[in-house]
PDB file of N, CA and C in Angstrom:
ATOM      1  N   MET A   1     -21.247-114.925 -82.271  1.00  0.00           N
ATOM      2  CA  MET A   1     -19.901-115.078 -82.772  1.00  0.00           C
ATOM      3  C   MET A   1     -19.908-116.107 -83.899  1.00  0.00           C
ATOM      4  N   ALA A   2     -19.334-115.765 -85.035  1.00  0.00           N
ATOM      5  CA  ALA A   2     -19.315-116.652 -86.202  1.00  0.00           C
ATOM      6  C   ALA A   2     -18.454-117.871 -85.937  1.00  0.00           C
ATOM      7  N   GLY A   3     -18.893-119.005 -86.458  1.00  0.00           N
ATOM      8  CA  GLY A   3     -18.103-120.230 -86.346  1.00  0.00           C
ATOM      9  C   GLY A   3     -18.294-120.995 -85.048  1.00  0.00           C
ATOM     10  N   THR A   4     -19.153-120.521 -84.159  1.00  0.00           N
ATOM     11  CA  THR A   4     -19.383-121.256 -82.913  1.00  0.00           C
ATOM     12  C   THR A   4     -20.577-122.172 -83.075  1.00  0.00           C
ATOM     13  N   PHE A   5     -20.612-123.233 -82.306  1.00  0.00           N
ATOM     14  CA  PHE A   5     -21.704-124.190 -82.361  1.00  0.00           C
ATOM     15  C   PHE A   5     -22.755-123.817 -81.331  1.00  0.00           C
ATOM     16  N   PRO A   6     -24.029-124.068 -81.624  1.00  0.00           N
ATOM     17  CA  PRO A   6     -25.063-123.791 -80.633  1.00  0.00           C
ATOM     18  C   PRO A   6     -24.870-124.702 -79.425  1.00  0.00           C
ATOM     19  N   SER A   7     -25.266-124.229 -78.245  1.00  0.00           N
ATOM     20  CA  SER A   7     -25.081-125.010 -77.021  1.00  0.00           C
ATOM     21  C   SER A   7     -26.009-126.218 -76.970  1.00  0.00           C
ATOM     22  N   GLN A   8     -27.052-126.214 -77.779  1.00  0.00           N
ATOM     23  CA  GLN A   8     -27.994-127.325 -77.799  1.00  0.00           C
ATOM     24  C   GLN A   8     -28.244-127.720 -79.261  1.00  0.00           C
ATOM     25  N   ARG A   9     -28.315-129.027 -79.515  1.00  0.00           N
ATOM     26  CA  ARG A   9     -28.548-129.514 -80.874  1.00  0.00           C
ATOM     27  C   ARG A   9     -29.956-129.141 -81.324  1.00  0.00           C
ATOM     28  N   VAL A  10     -30.079-128.840 -82.608  1.00  0.00           N
ATOM     29  CA  VAL A  10     -31.360-128.452 -83.174  1.00  0.00           C
ATOM     30  C   VAL A  10     -32.247-129.675 -83.389  1.00  0.00           C
ATOM     31  N   GLU A  11     -31.663-130.803 -83.788  1.00  0.00           N
ATOM     32  CA  GLU A  11     -32.453-132.010 -84.012  1.00  0.00           C
ATOM     33  C   GLU A  11     -31.954-133.137 -83.132  1.00  0.00           C
ATOM     34  N   SER A  12     -32.842-134.075 -82.858  1.00  0.00           N
ATOM     35  CA  SER A  12     -32.467-135.168 -81.969  1.00  0.00           C
ATOM     36  C   SER A  12     -31.595-136.185 -82.693  1.00  0.00           C
ATOM     37  N   ARG A  13     -30.766-136.865 -81.923  1.00  0.00           N
ATOM     38  CA  ARG A  13     -29.914-137.931 -82.424  1.00  0.00           C
ATOM     39  C   ARG A  13     -30.344-139.222 -81.769  1.00  0.00           C
ATOM     40  N   SER A  14     -30.121-140.314 -82.467  1.00  0.00           N
ATOM     41  CA  SER A  14     -30.411-141.608 -81.876  1.00  0.00           C
ATOM     42  C   SER A  14     -29.161-142.470 -81.966  1.00  0.00           C
ATOM     43  N   SER A  15     -28.918-143.224 -80.905  1.00  0.00           N
ATOM     44  CA  SER A  15     -27.783-144.142 -80.900  1.00  0.00           C
ATOM     45  C   SER A  15     -28.087-145.268 -81.870  1.00  0.00           C
ATOM     46  N   ARG A  16     -27.230-145.423 -82.835  1.00  0.00           N
ATOM     47  CA  ARG A  16     -27.434-146.476 -83.820  1.00  0.00           C
ATOM     48  C   ARG A  16     -26.077-146.865 -84.393  1.00  0.00           C
ATOM     49  N   LYS A  17     -25.766-148.143 -84.336  1.00  0.00           N
ATOM     50  CA  LYS A  17     -24.485-148.650 -84.827  1.00  0.00           C
ATOM     51  C   LYS A  17     -24.709-149.278 -86.194  1.00  0.00           C
ATOM     52  N   ILE A  18     -24.295-148.563 -87.237  1.00  0.00           N
ATOM     53  CA  ILE A  18     -24.502-148.979 -88.614  1.00  0.00           C
ATOM     54  C   ILE A  18     -23.154-148.953 -89.328  1.00  0.00           C
ATOM     55  N   LEU A  19     -22.862-149.991 -90.076  1.00  0.00           N
ATOM     56  CA  LEU A  19     -21.622-150.046 -90.835  1.00  0.00           C
ATOM     57  C   LEU A  19     -21.770-149.189 -92.088  1.00  0.00           C
ATOM     58  N   VAL A  20     -20.861-148.210 -92.236  1.00  0.00           N
ATOM     59  CA  VAL A  20     -20.874-147.328 -93.398  1.00  0.00           C
ATOM     60  C   VAL A  20     -19.505-147.332 -94.066  1.00  0.00           C
ATOM     61  N   GLU A  21     -19.502-146.988 -95.322  1.00  0.00           N
ATOM     62  CA  GLU A  21     -18.275-146.832 -96.084  1.00  0.00           C
ATOM     63  C   GLU A  21     -18.025-145.342 -96.252  1.00  0.00           C
ATOM     64  N   LEU A  22     -16.829-144.891 -95.897  1.00  0.00           N
ATOM     65  CA  LEU A  22     -16.429-143.496 -96.076  1.00  0.00           C
ATOM     66  C   LEU A  22     -15.386-143.449 -97.189  1.00  0.00           C
ATOM     67  N   TYR A  23     -15.544-142.494 -98.097  1.00  0.00           N
ATOM     68  CA  TYR A  23     -14.604-142.377 -99.207  1.00  0.00           C
ATOM     69  C   TYR A  23     -14.376-140.908 -99.524  1.00  0.00           C
ATOM     70  N   SER A  24     -13.101-140.534 -99.673  1.00  0.00           N
ATOM     71  CA  SER A  24     -12.751-139.170-100.044  1.00  0.00           C
ATOM     72  C   SER A  24     -12.269-139.151-101.490  1.00  0.00           C
ATOM     73  N   PHE A  25     -12.908-138.328-102.310  1.00  0.00           N
ATOM     74  CA  PHE A  25     -12.472-138.179-103.700  1.00  0.00           C
ATOM     75  C   PHE A  25     -11.208-137.322-103.785  1.00  0.00           C
ATOM     76  N   ASP A  26     -10.946-136.526-102.741  1.00  0.00           N
ATOM     77  CA  ASP A  26      -9.784-135.637-102.737  1.00  0.00           C
ATOM     78  C   ASP A  26      -8.472-136.410-102.716  1.00  0.00           C
ATOM     79  N   ASN A  27      -8.391-137.413-101.843  1.00  0.00           N
ATOM     80  CA  ASN A  27      -7.126-138.137-101.706  1.00  0.00           C
ATOM     81  C   ASN A  27      -7.298-139.650-101.776  1.00  0.00           C
ATOM     82  N   ALA A  28      -8.426-140.105-102.263  1.00  0.00           N
ATOM     83  CA  ALA A  28      -8.728-141.532-102.427  1.00  0.00           C
ATOM     84  C   ALA A  28      -8.623-142.324-101.116  1.00  0.00           C
ATOM     85  N   ALA A  29      -8.828-141.668 -99.971  1.00  0.00           N
ATOM     86  CA  ALA A  29      -8.860-142.372 -98.684  1.00  0.00           C
ATOM     87  C   ALA A  29     -10.191-143.107 -98.578  1.00  0.00           C
ATOM     88  N   PHE A  30     -10.162-144.281 -97.945  1.00  0.00           N
ATOM     89  CA  PHE A  30     -11.339-145.133 -97.891  1.00  0.00           C
ATOM     90  C   PHE A  30     -11.292-145.964 -96.623  1.00  0.00           C
ATOM     91  N   GLU A  31     -12.442-146.158 -95.989  1.00  0.00           N
ATOM     92  CA  GLU A  31     -12.521-147.082 -94.854  1.00  0.00           C
ATOM     93  C   GLU A  31     -13.970-147.428 -94.549  1.00  0.00           C
ATOM     94  N   PHE A  32     -14.127-148.532 -93.824  1.00  0.00           N
ATOM     95  CA  PHE A  32     -15.416-148.907 -93.263  1.00  0.00           C
ATOM     96  C   PHE A  32     -15.397-148.458 -91.811  1.00  0.00           C
ATOM     97  N   ALA A  33     -16.501-147.880 -91.352  1.00  0.00           N
ATOM     98  CA  ALA A  33     -16.597-147.377 -89.984  1.00  0.00           C
ATOM     99  C   ALA A  33     -18.020-147.588 -89.482  1.00  0.00           C
ATOM    100  N   TYR A  34     -18.171-147.605 -88.162  1.00  0.00           N
ATOM    101  CA  TYR A  34     -19.493-147.719 -87.557  1.00  0.00           C
ATOM    102  C   TYR A  34     -19.968-146.361 -87.070  1.00  0.00           C
ATOM    103  N   THR A  35     -21.261-146.099 -87.242  1.00  0.00           N
ATOM    104  CA  THR A  35     -21.831-144.897 -86.663  1.00  0.00           C
ATOM    105  C   THR A  35     -21.969-145.098 -85.152  1.00  0.00           C
ATOM    106  N   ILE A  36     -21.900-144.005 -84.415  1.00  0.00           N
ATOM    107  CA  ILE A  36     -22.140-144.007 -82.974  1.00  0.00           C
ATOM    108  C   ILE A  36     -23.561-143.522 -82.727  1.00  0.00           C
ATOM    109  N   ASP A  37     -23.891-142.411 -83.380  1.00  0.00           N
ATOM    110  CA  ASP A  37     -25.255-141.899 -83.347  1.00  0.00           C
ATOM    111  C   ASP A  37     -25.550-141.208 -84.668  1.00  0.00           C
ATOM    112  N   VAL A  38     -26.839-141.060 -84.950  1.00  0.00           N
ATOM    113  CA  VAL A  38     -27.259-140.516 -86.237  1.00  0.00           C
ATOM    114  C   VAL A  38     -28.413-139.541 -86.056  1.00  0.00           C
ATOM    115  N   SER A  39     -28.587-138.678 -87.037  1.00  0.00           N
ATOM    116  CA  SER A  39     -29.733-137.776 -87.096  1.00  0.00           C
ATOM    117  C   SER A  39     -30.114-137.627 -88.561  1.00  0.00           C
ATOM    118  N   GLN A  40     -31.105-136.844 -88.837  1.00  0.00           N
ATOM    119  CA  GLN A  40     -31.561-136.668 -90.210  1.00  0.00           C
ATOM    120  C   GLN A  40     -30.486-135.998 -91.081  1.00  0.00           C
ATOM    121  N   HIS A  41     -29.682-135.119 -90.482  1.00  0.00           N
ATOM    122  CA  HIS A  41     -28.697-134.352 -91.250  1.00  0.00           C
ATOM    123  C   HIS A  41     -27.249-134.684 -90.917  1.00  0.00           C
ATOM    124  N   GLY A  42     -27.001-135.725 -90.122  1.00  0.00           N
ATOM    125  CA  GLY A  42     -25.618-136.001 -89.785  1.00  0.00           C
ATOM    126  C   GLY A  42     -25.417-137.304 -89.053  1.00  0.00           C
ATOM    127  N   ALA A  43     -24.161-137.567 -88.762  1.00  0.00           N
ATOM    128  CA  ALA A  43     -23.796-138.775 -88.034  1.00  0.00           C
ATOM    129  C   ALA A  43     -22.456-138.551 -87.352  1.00  0.00           C
ATOM    130  N   ARG A  44     -22.265-139.301 -86.284  1.00  0.00           N
ATOM    131  CA  ARG A  44     -20.967-139.361 -85.604  1.00  0.00           C
ATOM    132  C   ARG A  44     -20.480-140.781 -85.830  1.00  0.00           C
ATOM    133  N   VAL A  45     -19.268-140.922 -86.383  1.00  0.00           N
ATOM    134  CA  VAL A  45     -18.736-142.244 -86.679  1.00  0.00           C
ATOM    135  C   VAL A  45     -17.440-142.481 -85.920  1.00  0.00           C
ATOM    136  N   LEU A  46     -17.161-143.752 -85.664  1.00  0.00           N
ATOM    137  CA  LEU A  46     -15.926-144.174 -85.026  1.00  0.00           C
ATOM    138  C   LEU A  46     -14.988-144.610 -86.142  1.00  0.00           C
ATOM    139  N   SER A  47     -13.899-143.872 -86.331  1.00  0.00           N
ATOM    140  CA  SER A  47     -13.005-144.084 -87.455  1.00  0.00           C
ATOM    141  C   SER A  47     -11.606-144.485 -86.994  1.00  0.00           C
ATOM    142  N   LYS A  48     -10.922-145.239 -87.811  1.00  0.00           N
ATOM    143  CA  LYS A  48      -9.520-145.559 -87.555  1.00  0.00           C
ATOM    144  C   LYS A  48      -8.614-144.487 -88.138  1.00  0.00           C
ATOM    145  N   LEU A  49      -9.143-143.762 -89.136  1.00  0.00           N
ATOM    146  CA  LEU A  49      -8.364-142.732 -89.823  1.00  0.00           C
ATOM    147  C   LEU A  49      -8.717-141.338 -89.330  1.00  0.00           C
ATOM    148  N   PRO A  50      -7.739-140.435 -89.293  1.00  0.00           N
ATOM    149  CA  PRO A  50      -8.059-139.032 -88.984  1.00  0.00           C
ATOM    150  C   PRO A  50      -8.540-138.334 -90.262  1.00  0.00           C
ATOM    151  N   TRP A  51      -9.757-137.829 -90.244  1.00  0.00           N
ATOM    152  CA  TRP A  51     -10.303-137.091 -91.378  1.00  0.00           C
ATOM    153  C   TRP A  51     -10.157-135.610 -91.089  1.00  0.00           C
ATOM    154  N   THR A  52      -9.971-134.809 -92.105  1.00  0.00           N
ATOM    155  CA  THR A  52      -9.721-133.376 -91.964  1.00  0.00           C
ATOM    156  C   THR A  52     -11.032-132.596 -91.954  1.00  0.00           C
ATOM    157  N   PRO A  53     -11.227-131.709 -90.964  1.00  0.00           N
ATOM    158  CA  PRO A  53     -12.429-130.868 -90.984  1.00  0.00           C
ATOM    159  C   PRO A  53     -12.550-130.127 -92.317  1.00  0.00           C
ATOM    160  N   GLN A  54     -13.767-130.007 -92.794  1.00  0.00           N
ATOM    161  CA  GLN A  54     -14.143-129.408 -94.076  1.00  0.00           C
ATOM    162  C   GLN A  54     -13.899-130.346 -95.264  1.00  0.00           C
ATOM    163  N   GLN A  55     -13.329-131.530 -95.031  1.00  0.00           N
ATOM    164  CA  GLN A  55     -13.104-132.497 -96.102  1.00  0.00           C
ATOM    165  C   GLN A  55     -14.458-133.042 -96.580  1.00  0.00           C
ATOM    166  N   HIS A  56     -14.586-133.249 -97.875  1.00  0.00           N
ATOM    167  CA  HIS A  56     -15.827-133.769 -98.456  1.00  0.00           C
ATOM    168  C   HIS A  56     -15.686-135.266 -98.682  1.00  0.00           C
ATOM    169  N   LEU A  57     -16.711-136.005 -98.254  1.00  0.00           N
ATOM    170  CA  LEU A  57     -16.698-137.461 -98.328  1.00  0.00           C
ATOM    171  C   LEU A  57     -17.965-137.974 -98.988  1.00  0.00           C
ATOM    172  N   SER A  58     -17.889-139.218 -99.400  1.00  0.00           N
ATOM    173  CA  SER A  58     -19.058-139.978 -99.792  1.00  0.00           C
ATOM    174  C   SER A  58     -19.340-140.939 -98.644  1.00  0.00           C
ATOM    175  N   VAL A  59     -20.599-141.023 -98.212  1.00  0.00           N
ATOM    176  CA  VAL A  59     -20.996-141.933 -97.129  1.00  0.00           C
ATOM    177  C   VAL A  59     -22.049-142.877 -97.695  1.00  0.00           C
ATOM    178  N   ARG A  60     -21.843-144.183 -97.492  1.00  0.00           N
ATOM    179  CA  ARG A  60     -22.779-145.185 -98.005  1.00  0.00           C
ATOM    180  C   ARG A  60     -22.949-146.268 -96.968  1.00  0.00           C
ATOM    181  N   SER A  61     -24.184-146.626 -96.656  1.00  0.00           N
ATOM    182  CA  SER A  61     -24.413-147.730 -95.735  1.00  0.00           C
ATOM    183  C   SER A  61     -24.114-149.039 -96.459  1.00  0.00           C
ATOM    184  N   VAL A  62     -23.501-149.978 -95.742  1.00  0.00           N
ATOM    185  CA  VAL A  62     -23.178-151.266 -96.339  1.00  0.00           C
ATOM    186  C   VAL A  62     -24.453-152.029 -96.647  1.00  0.00           C
ATOM    187  N   GLN A  63     -25.424-151.950 -95.761  1.00  0.00           N
ATOM    188  CA  GLN A  63     -26.752-152.517 -96.018  1.00  0.00           C
ATOM    189  C   GLN A  63     -27.753-151.377 -95.961  1.00  0.00           C
ATOM    190  N   GLY A  64     -28.659-151.367 -96.868  1.00  0.00           N
ATOM    191  CA  GLY A  64     -29.663-150.319 -96.882  1.00  0.00           C
ATOM    192  C   GLY A  64     -29.373-149.288 -97.952  1.00  0.00           C
ATOM    193  N   PRO A  65     -30.301-148.367 -98.152  1.00  0.00           N
ATOM    194  CA  PRO A  65     -30.238-147.440 -99.276  1.00  0.00           C
ATOM    195  C   PRO A  65     -29.463-146.140 -99.030  1.00  0.00           C
ATOM    196  N   LEU A  66     -28.881-145.949 -97.854  1.00  0.00           N
ATOM    197  CA  LEU A  66     -28.250-144.665 -97.559  1.00  0.00           C
ATOM    198  C   LEU A  66     -27.037-144.429 -98.455  1.00  0.00           C
ATOM    199  N   SER A  67     -27.036-143.285 -99.114  1.00  0.00           N
ATOM    200  CA  SER A  67     -25.896-142.836 -99.907  1.00  0.00           C
ATOM    201  C   SER A  67     -25.968-141.322 -99.956  1.00  0.00           C
ATOM    202  N   SER A  68     -24.909-140.660 -99.505  1.00  0.00           N
ATOM    203  CA  SER A  68     -24.931-139.203 -99.443  1.00  0.00           C
ATOM    204  C   SER A  68     -23.517-138.649 -99.499  1.00  0.00           C
ATOM    205  N   ARG A  69     -23.395-137.454 -99.984  1.00  0.00           N
ATOM    206  CA  ARG A  69     -22.155-136.699 -99.847  1.00  0.00           C
ATOM    207  C   ARG A  69     -22.210-136.080 -98.457  1.00  0.00           C
ATOM    208  N   ALA A  70     -21.038-135.832 -97.872  1.00  0.00           N
ATOM    209  CA  ALA A  70     -20.990-135.281 -96.519  1.00  0.00           C
ATOM    210  C   ALA A  70     -19.760-134.390 -96.361  1.00  0.00           C
ATOM    211  N   ARG A  71     -19.805-133.606 -95.305  1.00  0.00           N
ATOM    212  CA  ARG A  71     -18.686-132.738 -94.933  1.00  0.00           C
ATOM    213  C   ARG A  71     -18.245-133.118 -93.530  1.00  0.00           C
ATOM    214  N   VAL A  72     -16.927-133.231 -93.326  1.00  0.00           N
ATOM    215  CA  VAL A  72     -16.399-133.500 -91.996  1.00  0.00           C
ATOM    216  C   VAL A  72     -16.493-132.210 -91.184  1.00  0.00           C
ATOM    217  N   VAL A  73     -17.216-132.270 -90.073  1.00  0.00           N
ATOM    218  CA  VAL A  73     -17.386-131.104 -89.212  1.00  0.00           C
ATOM    219  C   VAL A  73     -16.269-131.051 -88.176  1.00  0.00           C
ATOM    220  N   TYR A  74     -15.951-132.215 -87.584  1.00  0.00           N
ATOM    221  CA  TYR A  74     -14.861-132.287 -86.609  1.00  0.00           C
ATOM    222  C   TYR A  74     -14.278-133.689 -86.608  1.00  0.00           C
ATOM    223  N   CYS A  75     -13.082-133.789 -86.062  1.00  0.00           N
ATOM    224  CA  CYS A  75     -12.415-135.086 -85.896  1.00  0.00           C
ATOM    225  C   CYS A  75     -11.670-135.033 -84.568  1.00  0.00           C
ATOM    226  N   GLN A  76     -12.128-135.831 -83.598  1.00  0.00           N
ATOM    227  CA  GLN A  76     -11.538-135.848 -82.254  1.00  0.00           C
ATOM    228  C   GLN A  76     -10.773-137.147 -82.034  1.00  0.00           C
ATOM    229  N   ARG A  77      -9.567-137.038 -81.537  1.00  0.00           N
ATOM    230  CA  ARG A  77      -8.773-138.230 -81.194  1.00  0.00           C
ATOM    231  C   ARG A  77      -9.365-138.848 -79.934  1.00  0.00           C
ATOM    232  N   LEU A  78      -9.596-140.146 -79.969  1.00  0.00           N
ATOM    233  CA  LEU A  78     -10.087-140.880 -78.801  1.00  0.00           C
ATOM    234  C   LEU A  78      -8.925-141.673 -78.221  1.00  0.00           C
ATOM    235  N   GLN A  79      -8.921-141.867 -76.927  1.00  0.00           N
ATOM    236  CA  GLN A  79      -7.824-142.583 -76.288  1.00  0.00           C
ATOM    237  C   GLN A  79      -7.766-144.022 -76.802  1.00  0.00           C
ATOM    238  N   GLU A  80      -6.761-144.315 -77.593  1.00  0.00           N
ATOM    239  CA  GLU A  80      -6.473-145.658 -78.091  1.00  0.00           C
ATOM    240  C   GLU A  80      -7.646-146.326 -78.804  1.00  0.00           C
ATOM    241  N   ARG A  81      -8.583-145.561 -79.299  1.00  0.00           N
ATOM    242  CA  ARG A  81      -9.738-146.136 -80.001  1.00  0.00           C
ATOM    243  C   ARG A  81      -9.951-145.510 -81.363  1.00  0.00           C
ATOM    244  N   GLY A  82      -9.048-144.725 -81.856  1.00  0.00           N
ATOM    245  CA  GLY A  82      -9.237-144.088 -83.156  1.00  0.00           C
ATOM    246  C   GLY A  82      -9.756-142.673 -83.017  1.00  0.00           C
ATOM    247  N   TYR A  83     -10.754-142.339 -83.837  1.00  0.00           N
ATOM    248  CA  TYR A  83     -11.250-140.966 -83.925  1.00  0.00           C
ATOM    249  C   TYR A  83     -12.778-140.948 -83.956  1.00  0.00           C
ATOM    250  N   ALA A  84     -13.341-139.941 -83.323  1.00  0.00           N
ATOM    251  CA  ALA A  84     -14.773-139.657 -83.435  1.00  0.00           C
ATOM    252  C   ALA A  84     -14.890-138.562 -84.486  1.00  0.00           C
ATOM    253  N   VAL A  85     -15.664-138.838 -85.522  1.00  0.00           N
ATOM    254  CA  VAL A  85     -15.779-137.908 -86.645  1.00  0.00           C
ATOM    255  C   VAL A  85     -17.233-137.481 -86.794  1.00  0.00           C
ATOM    256  N   GLY A  86     -17.460-136.176 -86.784  1.00  0.00           N
ATOM    257  CA  GLY A  86     -18.789-135.623 -87.001  1.00  0.00           C
ATOM    258  C   GLY A  86     -18.985-135.325 -88.476  1.00  0.00           C
ATOM    259  N   LEU A  87     -20.058-135.851 -89.041  1.00  0.00           N
ATOM    260  CA  LEU A  87     -20.349-135.657 -90.460  1.00  0.00           C
ATOM    261  C   LEU A  87     -21.658-134.895 -90.646  1.00  0.00           C
ATOM    262  N   GLU A  88     -21.655-133.941 -91.542  1.00  0.00           N
ATOM    263  CA  GLU A  88     -22.873-133.250 -91.957  1.00  0.00           C
ATOM    264  C   GLU A  88     -23.254-133.817 -93.316  1.00  0.00           C
ATOM    265  N   LEU A  89     -24.442-134.420 -93.410  1.00  0.00           N
ATOM    266  CA  LEU A  89     -24.905-135.005 -94.668  1.00  0.00           C
ATOM    267  C   LEU A  89     -25.542-133.932 -95.534  1.00  0.00           C
ATOM    268  N   TYR A  90     -25.254-133.963 -96.833  1.00  0.00           N
ATOM    269  CA  TYR A  90     -25.841-132.992 -97.748  1.00  0.00           C
ATOM    270  C   TYR A  90     -27.264-133.363 -98.150  1.00  0.00           C
ATOM    271  N   GLN A  91     -27.597-134.652 -98.145  1.00  0.00           N
ATOM    272  CA  GLN A  91     -28.955-135.097 -98.419  1.00  0.00           C
ATOM    273  C   GLN A  91     -29.537-135.637 -97.121  1.00  0.00           C
ATOM    274  N   PRO A  92     -30.631-135.060 -96.624  1.00  0.00           N
ATOM    275  CA  PRO A  92     -31.228-135.547 -95.370  1.00  0.00           C
ATOM    276  C   PRO A  92     -31.647-137.016 -95.481  1.00  0.00           C
ATOM    277  N   VAL A  93     -31.546-137.727 -94.374  1.00  0.00           N
ATOM    278  CA  VAL A  93     -31.909-139.140 -94.318  1.00  0.00           C
ATOM    279  C   VAL A  93     -33.245-139.257 -93.597  1.00  0.00           C
ATOM    280  N   ASP A  94     -34.262-139.724 -94.302  1.00  0.00           N
ATOM    281  CA  ASP A  94     -35.575-139.898 -93.680  1.00  0.00           C
ATOM    282  C   ASP A  94     -35.554-141.033 -92.669  1.00  0.00           C
ATOM    283  N   LYS A  95     -34.902-142.139 -93.032  1.00  0.00           N
ATOM    284  CA  LYS A  95     -34.836-143.283 -92.127  1.00  0.00           C
ATOM    285  C   LYS A  95     -33.499-143.997 -92.308  1.00  0.00           C
ATOM    286  N   TRP A  96     -32.730-144.076 -91.245  1.00  0.00           N
ATOM    287  CA  TRP A  96     -31.468-144.806 -91.280  1.00  0.00           C
ATOM    288  C   TRP A  96     -31.762-146.310 -91.283  1.00  0.00           C
ATOM    289  N   PRO A  97     -30.864-147.100 -91.899  1.00  0.00           N
ATOM    290  CA  PRO A  97     -31.055-148.563 -91.866  1.00  0.00           C
ATOM    291  C   PRO A  97     -31.081-149.073 -90.426  1.00  0.00           C
ATOM    292  N   ASP A  98     -31.705-150.213 -90.229  1.00  0.00           N
ATOM    293  CA  ASP A  98     -31.779-150.837 -88.917  1.00  0.00           C
ATOM    294  C   ASP A  98     -30.418-151.426 -88.560  1.00  0.00           C
ATOM    295  N   GLY A  99     -29.812-150.930 -87.487  1.00  0.00           N
ATOM    296  CA  GLY A  99     -28.495-151.395 -87.071  1.00  0.00           C
ATOM    297  C   GLY A  99     -28.462-152.853 -86.674  1.00  0.00           C
ATOM    298  N   ALA A 100     -29.544-153.373 -86.112  1.00  0.00           N
ATOM    299  CA  ALA A 100     -29.574-154.773 -85.663  1.00  0.00           C
ATOM    300  C   ALA A 100     -29.365-155.718 -86.834  1.00  0.00           C
ATOM    301  N   LYS A 101     -29.959-155.427 -87.986  1.00  0.00           N
ATOM    302  CA  LYS A 101     -29.785-156.266 -89.156  1.00  0.00           C
ATOM    303  C   LYS A 101     -28.343-156.242 -89.645  1.00  0.00           C
ATOM    304  N   VAL A 102     -27.721-155.080 -89.553  1.00  0.00           N
ATOM    305  CA  VAL A 102     -26.328-154.942 -89.982  1.00  0.00           C
ATOM    306  C   VAL A 102     -25.433-155.833 -89.118  1.00  0.00           C
ATOM    307  N   PHE A 103     -25.662-155.860 -87.802  1.00  0.00           N
ATOM    308  CA  PHE A 103     -24.832-156.659 -86.919  1.00  0.00           C
ATOM    309  C   PHE A 103     -24.975-158.142 -87.206  1.00  0.00           C
ATOM    310  N   LYS A 104     -26.189-158.604 -87.449  1.00  0.00           N
ATOM    311  CA  LYS A 104     -26.405-160.022 -87.726  1.00  0.00           C
ATOM    312  C   LYS A 104     -25.679-160.429 -89.003  1.00  0.00           C
ATOM    313  N   ALA A 105     -25.750-159.592 -90.020  1.00  0.00           N
ATOM    314  CA  ALA A 105     -25.081-159.903 -91.283  1.00  0.00           C
ATOM    315  C   ALA A 105     -23.570-159.865 -91.123  1.00  0.00           C
ATOM    316  N   ALA A 106     -23.058-158.869 -90.399  1.00  0.00           N
ATOM    317  CA  ALA A 106     -21.613-158.745 -90.203  1.00  0.00           C
ATOM    318  C   ALA A 106     -21.087-159.891 -89.354  1.00  0.00           C
ATOM    319  N   ALA A 107     -21.859-160.339 -88.392  1.00  0.00           N
ATOM    320  CA  ALA A 107     -21.406-161.421 -87.502  1.00  0.00           C
ATOM    321  C   ALA A 107     -21.362-162.753 -88.230  1.00  0.00           C
ATOM    322  N   SER A 108     -22.192-162.936 -89.246  1.00  0.00           N
ATOM    323  CA  SER A 108     -22.239-164.211 -89.932  1.00  0.00           C
ATOM    324  C   SER A 108     -21.152-164.371 -90.990  1.00  0.00           C
ATOM    325  N   THR A 109     -20.432-163.302 -91.305  1.00  0.00           N
ATOM    326  CA  THR A 109     -19.364-163.390 -92.311  1.00  0.00           C
ATOM    327  C   THR A 109     -18.026-163.627 -91.681  1.00  0.00           C
TER     328      THR A 109
END
């Protein structure tokens, strides 16, 4: 059936909390959000804003070299915690930045 998701993920994900900047060129929406988990071709982020499925975004890590265009795959409302947003990255990520370094830098500011 077209448009359905496979019951099992094709690639593995790793839990990693990394501060990223999300930006939409369509409506100039912008925010900083943390990833929940990441893979070579995508990420799940915890967002304060509701993003629209199929919306195109720019994703950039605050620390590290990650910069990619992405597509919003889904946006789920979380109970009183914002939204879980699934992103498909257009450029595969060989290595995500180390989340531990991001936390130390964010905590010191």
